């Protein structure tokens, strides 16, 4: 998070992405509890990205349904 607050988003995404890929190699599915981590998987290939569950998409949809 420190990197993000310093405006170093690309470095943050690279570091988090490396760690997530490592987790993905050892697990069938990885659940990301922190919305900022979803940024890191956006650059993954589509097939690889399917193994990472993120909350931003579903969370935004749920909020939209509440306020419509």
C-alpha atoms as a PDB file:
ATOM      1  CA  UNK A   1       0.000   0.000   0.000  1.00  0.00           C
ATOM      2  CA  UNK A   2       2.913   2.331   0.667  1.00  0.00           C
ATOM      3  CA  UNK A   3       3.902   2.167  -2.988  1.00  0.00           C
ATOM      4  CA  UNK A   4       0.389   3.123  -4.076  1.00  0.00           C
ATOM      5  CA  UNK A   5       0.334   6.107  -1.731  1.00  0.00           C
ATOM      6  CA  UNK A   6       3.689   7.187  -3.202  1.00  0.00           C
ATOM      7  CA  UNK A   7       2.256   7.088  -6.723  1.00  0.00           C
ATOM      8  CA  UNK A   8       4.212   3.961  -7.676  1.00  0.00           C
ATOM      9  CA  UNK A   9       1.270   1.942  -8.963  1.00  0.00           C
ATOM     10  CA  UNK A  10       3.206   0.093 -11.662  1.00  0.00           C
ATOM     11  CA  UNK A  11       5.806  -1.112  -9.163  1.00  0.00           C
ATOM     12  CA  UNK A  12       3.056  -2.169  -6.752  1.00  0.00           C
ATOM     13  CA  UNK A  13       1.267  -4.106  -9.517  1.00  0.00           C
ATOM     14  CA  UNK A  14       4.497  -5.820 -10.547  1.00  0.00           C
ATOM     15  CA  UNK A  15       5.415  -6.922  -7.025  1.00  0.00           C
ATOM     16  CA  UNK A  16       1.903  -8.037  -6.103  1.00  0.00           C
ATOM     17  CA  UNK A  17       1.493  -9.727  -9.488  1.00  0.00           C
ATOM     18  CA  UNK A  18       4.670 -11.757  -8.960  1.00  0.00           C
ATOM     19  CA  UNK A  19       3.466 -12.933  -5.552  1.00  0.00           C
ATOM     20  CA  UNK A  20       0.013 -13.758  -6.884  1.00  0.00           C
ATOM     21  CA  UNK A  21       1.432 -15.768  -9.776  1.00  0.00           C
ATOM     22  CA  UNK A  22       3.454 -17.753  -7.263  1.00  0.00           C
ATOM     23  CA  UNK A  23       0.306 -18.436  -5.240  1.00  0.00           C
ATOM     24  CA  UNK A  24      -1.564 -19.337  -8.403  1.00  0.00           C
ATOM     25  CA  UNK A  25       1.023 -21.971  -9.254  1.00  0.00           C
ATOM     26  CA  UNK A  26       0.384 -23.716  -5.923  1.00  0.00           C
ATOM     27  CA  UNK A  27      -3.400 -23.239  -5.679  1.00  0.00           C
ATOM     28  CA  UNK A  28      -6.350 -23.790  -7.969  1.00  0.00           C
ATOM     29  CA  UNK A  29      -8.039 -20.553  -6.902  1.00  0.00           C
ATOM     30  CA  UNK A  30      -6.802 -17.469  -5.076  1.00  0.00           C
ATOM     31  CA  UNK A  31      -9.279 -15.089  -3.408  1.00  0.00           C
ATOM     32  CA  UNK A  32      -8.123 -11.484  -3.190  1.00  0.00           C
ATOM     33  CA  UNK A  33      -9.582  -9.791  -0.136  1.00  0.00           C
ATOM     34  CA  UNK A  34      -7.952  -6.452  -0.862  1.00  0.00           C
ATOM     35  CA  UNK A  35      -9.433  -4.497  -3.760  1.00  0.00           C
ATOM     36  CA  UNK A  36      -6.092  -2.876  -4.604  1.00  0.00           C
ATOM     37  CA  UNK A  37      -4.693  -6.302  -5.489  1.00  0.00           C
ATOM     38  CA  UNK A  38      -7.230  -6.705  -8.295  1.00  0.00           C
ATOM     39  CA  UNK A  39      -5.179  -4.178 -10.285  1.00  0.00           C
ATOM     40  CA  UNK A  40      -2.269  -6.606 -10.392  1.00  0.00           C
ATOM     41  CA  UNK A  41      -4.207  -9.397 -12.104  1.00  0.00           C
ATOM     42  CA  UNK A  42      -5.645  -7.133 -14.807  1.00  0.00           C
ATOM     43  CA  UNK A  43      -2.454  -7.634 -16.808  1.00  0.00           C
ATOM     44  CA  UNK A  44      -2.602 -11.434 -16.615  1.00  0.00           C
ATOM     45  CA  UNK A  45      -3.749 -13.502 -19.578  1.00  0.00           C
ATOM     46  CA  UNK A  46      -7.492 -14.178 -19.538  1.00  0.00           C
ATOM     47  CA  UNK A  47      -7.138 -17.881 -18.703  1.00  0.00           C
ATOM     48  CA  UNK A  48      -4.767 -17.157 -15.815  1.00  0.00           C
ATOM     49  CA  UNK A  49      -6.980 -14.332 -14.517  1.00  0.00           C
ATOM     50  CA  UNK A  50      -9.887 -16.766 -14.065  1.00  0.00           C
ATOM     51  CA  UNK A  51      -8.070 -18.356 -11.124  1.00  0.00           C
ATOM     52  CA  UNK A  52      -8.125 -15.127  -9.111  1.00  0.00           C
ATOM     53  CA  UNK A  53     -11.394 -14.090  -7.492  1.00  0.00           C
ATOM     54  CA  UNK A  54     -11.685 -10.370  -6.836  1.00  0.00           C
ATOM     55  CA  UNK A  55     -14.322  -8.329  -5.065  1.00  0.00           C
ATOM     56  CA  UNK A  56     -14.310  -5.009  -6.969  1.00  0.00           C
ATOM     57  CA  UNK A  57     -16.458  -6.216  -9.867  1.00  0.00           C
ATOM     58  CA  UNK A  58     -19.071  -7.950  -7.766  1.00  0.00           C
ATOM     59  CA  UNK A  59     -18.944  -5.248  -5.104  1.00  0.00           C
ATOM     60  CA  UNK A  60     -19.588  -2.437  -7.556  1.00  0.00           C
ATOM     61  CA  UNK A  61     -22.472  -4.385  -9.113  1.00  0.00           C
ATOM     62  CA  UNK A  62     -24.014  -4.960  -5.674  1.00  0.00           C
ATOM     63  CA  UNK A  63     -23.710  -1.254  -4.789  1.00  0.00           C
ATOM     64  CA  UNK A  64     -25.267  -0.304  -8.105  1.00  0.00           C
ATOM     65  CA  UNK A  65     -28.257  -2.544  -7.406  1.00  0.00           C
ATOM     66  CA  UNK A  66     -28.734  -0.946  -3.987  1.00  0.00           C
ATOM     67  CA  UNK A  67     -28.826   2.589  -5.346  1.00  0.00           C
ATOM     68  CA  UNK A  68     -30.866   2.091  -8.522  1.00  0.00           C
END
